[in-house]
Amino acid sequence: RKESSAASDVYKRQLTNLEVYIDDGSMQLKGPKGRVAPLAIKAGRAMGQAFEIACGLPVSKKKTKVVASSANLGDQIATGLAMHGCKRARSALMLGVQHTAGKGVHRGRATFA
C-alpha cells in the first residue's frame, strides 16, 4: 500500500508542474489592395494579446514572421506588428507546412499568392 501511495504522490506532483506550450499558430487573410495590411495588423495584435495576456503564453519574438504576396505589403504588416517581433520573410515553416510569398514553387515548398 505504501508503494501505491508513493506513486500517487509522484503523479500528483507531476500534474501540478504541468506546463503548456503552443508550437505554431497562423493567420491567413485575403482582400482588396489597401485593406489587407490594416486588417492583418489589427488581427495580429489581437492574436498576440490573446496568447500573451488572456492565456499567459509568450509569443516568440525570434520566430514571428509575416509572409505576404509583396515585399511592400509584408513590410507594412511587419512594421505594424513590430511589438510582437514580426519580421517579413519569403517563407515560414509551420507544423511541417511551408508558406512562401509569391507565385510558383521555391525549393519544393508550397506557395501562395
N, C-alpha and C. Protein backbone atom coordinates (compact mmCIF):
# COMPACT_ATOMS: atom_id res chain seq x y z
N ARG A 1 0.81 -1.19 0.00
CA ARG A 1 0.00 0.00 0.00
C ARG A 1 0.86 1.26 0.00
N LYS A 2 2.01 1.23 0.68
CA LYS A 2 2.89 2.39 0.73
C LYS A 2 3.47 2.70 -0.65
N GLU A 3 3.77 1.66 -1.44
CA GLU A 3 4.29 1.89 -2.79
C GLU A 3 3.24 2.60 -3.63
N SER A 4 2.02 2.18 -3.52
CA SER A 4 0.93 2.79 -4.27
C SER A 4 0.75 4.25 -3.88
N SER A 5 0.85 4.54 -2.60
CA SER A 5 0.73 5.90 -2.11
C SER A 5 1.87 6.77 -2.61
N ALA A 6 3.09 6.23 -2.62
CA ALA A 6 4.25 6.97 -3.11
C ALA A 6 4.11 7.28 -4.60
N ALA A 7 3.63 6.31 -5.36
CA ALA A 7 3.42 6.52 -6.79
C ALA A 7 2.36 7.59 -7.01
N SER A 8 1.33 7.58 -6.20
CA SER A 8 0.26 8.57 -6.30
C SER A 8 0.79 9.97 -6.01
N ASP A 9 1.68 10.09 -5.02
CA ASP A 9 2.28 11.38 -4.68
C ASP A 9 3.10 11.93 -5.84
N VAL A 10 3.89 11.06 -6.48
CA VAL A 10 4.70 11.48 -7.64
C VAL A 10 3.80 11.93 -8.76
N TYR A 11 2.74 11.18 -9.01
CA TYR A 11 1.79 11.51 -10.06
C TYR A 11 1.16 12.88 -9.80
N LYS A 12 0.75 13.14 -8.57
CA LYS A 12 0.14 14.43 -8.23
C LYS A 12 1.13 15.57 -8.41
N ARG A 13 2.39 15.37 -8.02
CA ARG A 13 3.41 16.40 -8.21
C ARG A 13 3.63 16.69 -9.68
N GLN A 14 3.64 15.67 -10.50
CA GLN A 14 3.84 15.87 -11.93
C GLN A 14 2.71 16.70 -12.52
N LEU A 15 1.51 16.47 -12.10
CA LEU A 15 0.38 17.23 -12.61
C LEU A 15 0.43 18.69 -12.18
N THR A 16 0.93 18.97 -11.01
CA THR A 16 0.99 20.35 -10.56
C THR A 16 2.11 21.12 -11.25
N ASN A 17 3.03 20.42 -11.90
CA ASN A 17 4.13 21.06 -12.62
C ASN A 17 3.89 21.09 -14.12
N LEU A 18 2.68 20.85 -14.54
CA LEU A 18 2.33 20.82 -15.96
C LEU A 18 2.56 22.19 -16.59
N GLU A 19 3.21 22.21 -17.73
CA GLU A 19 3.42 23.45 -18.47
C GLU A 19 2.81 23.31 -19.85
N VAL A 20 2.28 24.39 -20.39
CA VAL A 20 1.62 24.37 -21.69
C VAL A 20 2.43 25.20 -22.68
N TYR A 21 2.65 24.64 -23.85
CA TYR A 21 3.36 25.34 -24.92
C TYR A 21 2.52 25.28 -26.19
N ILE A 22 2.50 26.36 -26.93
CA ILE A 22 1.88 26.35 -28.26
C ILE A 22 3.03 26.46 -29.24
N ASP A 23 3.13 25.48 -30.11
CA ASP A 23 4.27 25.43 -31.02
C ASP A 23 4.11 26.36 -32.21
N ASP A 24 2.96 26.38 -32.82
CA ASP A 24 2.76 27.21 -34.01
C ASP A 24 1.34 27.76 -34.03
N GLY A 25 1.22 28.90 -34.65
CA GLY A 25 -0.09 29.50 -34.89
C GLY A 25 -0.01 30.22 -36.22
N SER A 26 -1.11 30.37 -36.89
CA SER A 26 -1.07 31.07 -38.18
C SER A 26 -2.37 31.81 -38.42
N MET A 27 -2.30 32.72 -39.37
CA MET A 27 -3.44 33.51 -39.77
C MET A 27 -3.26 33.78 -41.26
N GLN A 28 -4.32 33.66 -42.02
CA GLN A 28 -4.25 33.95 -43.44
C GLN A 28 -5.37 34.91 -43.79
N LEU A 29 -5.03 36.00 -44.47
CA LEU A 29 -6.03 37.00 -44.86
C LEU A 29 -5.97 37.21 -46.36
N LYS A 30 -7.09 37.57 -46.92
CA LYS A 30 -7.20 37.82 -48.35
C LYS A 30 -8.19 38.95 -48.53
N GLY A 31 -7.86 39.91 -49.39
CA GLY A 31 -8.79 41.01 -49.60
C GLY A 31 -8.26 42.00 -50.61
N PRO A 32 -9.01 43.07 -50.84
CA PRO A 32 -8.61 44.09 -51.82
C PRO A 32 -7.38 44.87 -51.35
N LYS A 33 -6.63 45.34 -52.33
CA LYS A 33 -5.43 46.13 -52.04
C LYS A 33 -5.80 47.31 -51.15
N GLY A 34 -4.97 47.57 -50.16
CA GLY A 34 -5.19 48.69 -49.25
C GLY A 34 -6.00 48.31 -48.01
N ARG A 35 -6.67 47.16 -48.04
CA ARG A 35 -7.48 46.74 -46.89
C ARG A 35 -6.82 45.63 -46.08
N VAL A 36 -5.92 44.88 -46.72
CA VAL A 36 -5.33 43.71 -46.06
C VAL A 36 -4.39 44.11 -44.92
N ALA A 37 -3.49 45.06 -45.17
CA ALA A 37 -2.50 45.44 -44.15
C ALA A 37 -3.15 45.90 -42.85
N PRO A 38 -4.08 46.86 -42.87
CA PRO A 38 -4.69 47.30 -41.61
C PRO A 38 -5.43 46.17 -40.89
N LEU A 39 -6.11 45.33 -41.65
CA LEU A 39 -6.84 44.21 -41.05
C LEU A 39 -5.87 43.18 -40.46
N ALA A 40 -4.78 42.90 -41.18
CA ALA A 40 -3.78 41.94 -40.69
C ALA A 40 -3.11 42.46 -39.42
N ILE A 41 -2.84 43.74 -39.36
CA ILE A 41 -2.23 44.33 -38.16
C ILE A 41 -3.18 44.23 -36.98
N LYS A 42 -4.44 44.58 -37.20
CA LYS A 42 -5.43 44.52 -36.12
C LYS A 42 -5.61 43.07 -35.64
N ALA A 43 -5.74 42.15 -36.58
CA ALA A 43 -5.94 40.74 -36.23
C ALA A 43 -4.69 40.16 -35.57
N GLY A 44 -3.51 40.52 -36.06
CA GLY A 44 -2.26 40.04 -35.48
C GLY A 44 -2.06 40.52 -34.06
N ARG A 45 -2.39 41.79 -33.81
CA ARG A 45 -2.30 42.33 -32.44
C ARG A 45 -3.26 41.60 -31.51
N ALA A 46 -4.48 41.36 -32.00
CA ALA A 46 -5.48 40.65 -31.19
C ALA A 46 -5.02 39.23 -30.89
N MET A 47 -4.43 38.57 -31.87
CA MET A 47 -3.93 37.21 -31.67
C MET A 47 -2.79 37.20 -30.66
N GLY A 48 -1.87 38.14 -30.78
CA GLY A 48 -0.75 38.24 -29.83
C GLY A 48 -1.24 38.51 -28.42
N GLN A 49 -2.21 39.41 -28.28
CA GLN A 49 -2.76 39.71 -26.96
C GLN A 49 -3.53 38.52 -26.39
N ALA A 50 -4.21 37.79 -27.25
CA ALA A 50 -4.95 36.61 -26.78
C ALA A 50 -3.98 35.58 -26.20
N PHE A 51 -2.87 35.35 -26.89
CA PHE A 51 -1.88 34.40 -26.38
C PHE A 51 -1.21 34.92 -25.12
N GLU A 52 -0.69 36.15 -25.19
CA GLU A 52 0.14 36.67 -24.10
C GLU A 52 -0.65 37.13 -22.88
N ILE A 53 -1.71 37.87 -23.09
CA ILE A 53 -2.45 38.44 -21.95
C ILE A 53 -3.55 37.50 -21.46
N ALA A 54 -4.41 37.08 -22.36
CA ALA A 54 -5.54 36.25 -21.95
C ALA A 54 -5.12 34.85 -21.51
N CYS A 55 -4.13 34.27 -22.21
CA CYS A 55 -3.72 32.89 -21.89
C CYS A 55 -2.42 32.81 -21.11
N GLY A 56 -1.69 33.92 -21.04
CA GLY A 56 -0.41 33.91 -20.33
C GLY A 56 0.67 33.12 -21.05
N LEU A 57 0.56 33.01 -22.37
CA LEU A 57 1.53 32.26 -23.17
C LEU A 57 2.39 33.22 -23.97
N PRO A 58 3.70 33.14 -23.86
CA PRO A 58 4.57 34.06 -24.59
C PRO A 58 4.61 33.75 -26.09
N VAL A 59 4.74 34.80 -26.87
CA VAL A 59 4.92 34.67 -28.32
C VAL A 59 6.40 34.88 -28.60
N SER A 60 7.01 33.97 -29.33
CA SER A 60 8.44 34.07 -29.63
C SER A 60 8.71 35.22 -30.58
N LYS A 61 9.44 36.21 -30.11
CA LYS A 61 9.78 37.35 -30.95
C LYS A 61 10.85 36.98 -31.98
N LYS A 62 11.57 35.90 -31.77
CA LYS A 62 12.59 35.45 -32.73
C LYS A 62 11.97 34.72 -33.91
N LYS A 63 10.81 34.09 -33.70
CA LYS A 63 10.24 33.24 -34.74
C LYS A 63 9.02 33.84 -35.44
N THR A 64 8.52 34.98 -34.99
CA THR A 64 7.30 35.55 -35.57
C THR A 64 7.60 36.14 -36.94
N LYS A 65 6.89 35.66 -37.96
CA LYS A 65 7.16 36.06 -39.35
C LYS A 65 5.87 36.49 -40.05
N VAL A 66 6.04 37.36 -41.03
CA VAL A 66 4.95 37.77 -41.91
C VAL A 66 5.36 37.36 -43.31
N VAL A 67 4.52 36.58 -43.96
CA VAL A 67 4.73 36.18 -45.35
C VAL A 67 3.59 36.80 -46.14
N ALA A 68 3.91 37.62 -47.14
CA ALA A 68 2.88 38.32 -47.90
C ALA A 68 3.15 38.19 -49.40
N SER A 69 2.16 38.56 -50.18
CA SER A 69 2.27 38.44 -51.64
C SER A 69 3.21 39.49 -52.25
N SER A 70 3.56 40.52 -51.49
CA SER A 70 4.54 41.50 -51.97
C SER A 70 5.40 41.96 -50.79
N ALA A 71 6.60 42.40 -51.12
CA ALA A 71 7.51 42.89 -50.08
C ALA A 71 6.93 44.11 -49.38
N ASN A 72 6.29 45.00 -50.14
CA ASN A 72 5.70 46.20 -49.56
C ASN A 72 4.61 45.85 -48.55
N LEU A 73 3.73 44.94 -48.92
CA LEU A 73 2.66 44.53 -48.02
C LEU A 73 3.25 43.86 -46.77
N GLY A 74 4.22 42.99 -46.96
CA GLY A 74 4.86 42.34 -45.83
C GLY A 74 5.52 43.33 -44.88
N ASP A 75 6.18 44.34 -45.46
CA ASP A 75 6.82 45.36 -44.63
C ASP A 75 5.80 46.17 -43.83
N GLN A 76 4.67 46.51 -44.47
CA GLN A 76 3.62 47.27 -43.77
C GLN A 76 3.10 46.49 -42.56
N ILE A 77 2.83 45.21 -42.79
CA ILE A 77 2.29 44.37 -41.71
C ILE A 77 3.33 44.17 -40.61
N ALA A 78 4.56 43.85 -41.02
CA ALA A 78 5.62 43.62 -40.03
C ALA A 78 5.88 44.87 -39.19
N THR A 79 5.83 46.04 -39.80
CA THR A 79 6.02 47.29 -39.06
C THR A 79 4.89 47.49 -38.05
N GLY A 80 3.67 47.19 -38.47
CA GLY A 80 2.52 47.33 -37.57
C GLY A 80 2.53 46.32 -36.44
N LEU A 81 3.25 45.22 -36.62
CA LEU A 81 3.31 44.18 -35.59
C LEU A 81 4.70 44.08 -34.96
N ALA A 82 5.47 45.15 -35.06
CA ALA A 82 6.84 45.15 -34.52
C ALA A 82 6.87 44.84 -33.02
N MET A 83 5.82 45.22 -32.29
CA MET A 83 5.76 44.96 -30.85
C MET A 83 5.82 43.46 -30.55
N HIS A 84 5.43 42.64 -31.52
CA HIS A 84 5.48 41.19 -31.35
C HIS A 84 6.73 40.60 -32.00
N GLY A 85 7.64 41.46 -32.46
CA GLY A 85 8.88 40.99 -33.05
C GLY A 85 8.74 40.53 -34.49
N CYS A 86 7.64 40.88 -35.14
CA CYS A 86 7.39 40.43 -36.51
C CYS A 86 8.44 40.93 -37.49
N LYS A 87 8.84 40.04 -38.36
CA LYS A 87 9.74 40.39 -39.45
C LYS A 87 9.18 39.79 -40.73
N ARG A 88 9.38 40.50 -41.84
CA ARG A 88 8.93 39.97 -43.13
C ARG A 88 9.85 38.84 -43.55
N ALA A 89 9.27 37.82 -44.15
CA ALA A 89 10.06 36.68 -44.62
C ALA A 89 9.50 36.21 -45.95
N ARG A 90 10.34 35.55 -46.73
CA ARG A 90 9.88 34.97 -48.00
C ARG A 90 9.14 33.67 -47.77
N SER A 91 9.46 32.99 -46.68
CA SER A 91 8.78 31.74 -46.36
C SER A 91 8.83 31.52 -44.85
N ALA A 92 7.93 30.66 -44.38
CA ALA A 92 7.88 30.33 -42.95
C ALA A 92 7.40 28.90 -42.80
N LEU A 93 8.07 28.16 -41.95
CA LEU A 93 7.69 26.78 -41.68
C LEU A 93 6.69 26.75 -40.54
N MET A 94 5.56 26.09 -40.76
CA MET A 94 4.57 25.96 -39.70
C MET A 94 4.02 24.55 -39.71
N LEU A 95 4.22 23.84 -38.60
CA LEU A 95 3.74 22.47 -38.47
C LEU A 95 4.10 21.61 -39.67
N GLY A 96 5.30 21.80 -40.19
CA GLY A 96 5.76 20.98 -41.30
C GLY A 96 5.26 21.43 -42.66
N VAL A 97 4.48 22.51 -42.72
CA VAL A 97 3.97 23.01 -43.98
C VAL A 97 4.65 24.34 -44.29
N GLN A 98 5.17 24.48 -45.48
CA GLN A 98 5.85 25.71 -45.86
C GLN A 98 4.88 26.70 -46.48
N HIS A 99 5.04 27.97 -46.14
CA HIS A 99 4.30 29.06 -46.77
C HIS A 99 5.34 29.96 -47.42
N THR A 100 5.19 30.26 -48.69
CA THR A 100 6.16 31.05 -49.41
C THR A 100 5.45 32.19 -50.13
N ALA A 101 6.04 33.38 -50.10
CA ALA A 101 5.45 34.53 -50.77
C ALA A 101 5.59 34.40 -52.28
N GLY A 102 4.66 34.97 -53.00
CA GLY A 102 4.74 34.99 -54.45
C GLY A 102 4.11 33.79 -55.10
N LYS A 103 4.42 33.63 -56.40
CA LYS A 103 3.84 32.54 -57.17
C LYS A 103 4.92 31.54 -57.52
N GLY A 104 4.49 30.32 -57.77
CA GLY A 104 5.44 29.28 -58.15
C GLY A 104 5.99 28.57 -56.94
N VAL A 105 6.83 27.59 -57.21
CA VAL A 105 7.40 26.77 -56.13
C VAL A 105 8.83 27.21 -55.87
N HIS A 106 9.17 27.39 -54.62
CA HIS A 106 10.52 27.80 -54.21
C HIS A 106 11.16 26.64 -53.46
N ARG A 107 12.12 25.99 -54.09
CA ARG A 107 12.83 24.84 -53.49
C ARG A 107 11.87 23.78 -52.96
N GLY A 108 10.86 23.46 -53.71
CA GLY A 108 9.94 22.41 -53.33
C GLY A 108 8.96 22.79 -52.22
N ARG A 109 8.88 24.05 -51.89
CA ARG A 109 7.98 24.49 -50.83
C ARG A 109 6.63 24.89 -51.41
N ALA A 110 5.60 24.67 -50.64
CA ALA A 110 4.26 25.09 -51.06
C ALA A 110 4.22 26.62 -51.12
N THR A 111 3.45 27.16 -52.04
CA THR A 111 3.39 28.61 -52.18
C THR A 111 1.94 29.10 -52.16
N PHE A 112 1.81 30.39 -51.95
CA PHE A 112 0.53 31.04 -52.12
C PHE A 112 0.77 32.44 -52.63
N ALA A 113 -0.24 33.02 -53.25
CA ALA A 113 -0.08 34.37 -53.82
C ALA A 113 -0.83 35.38 -53.01
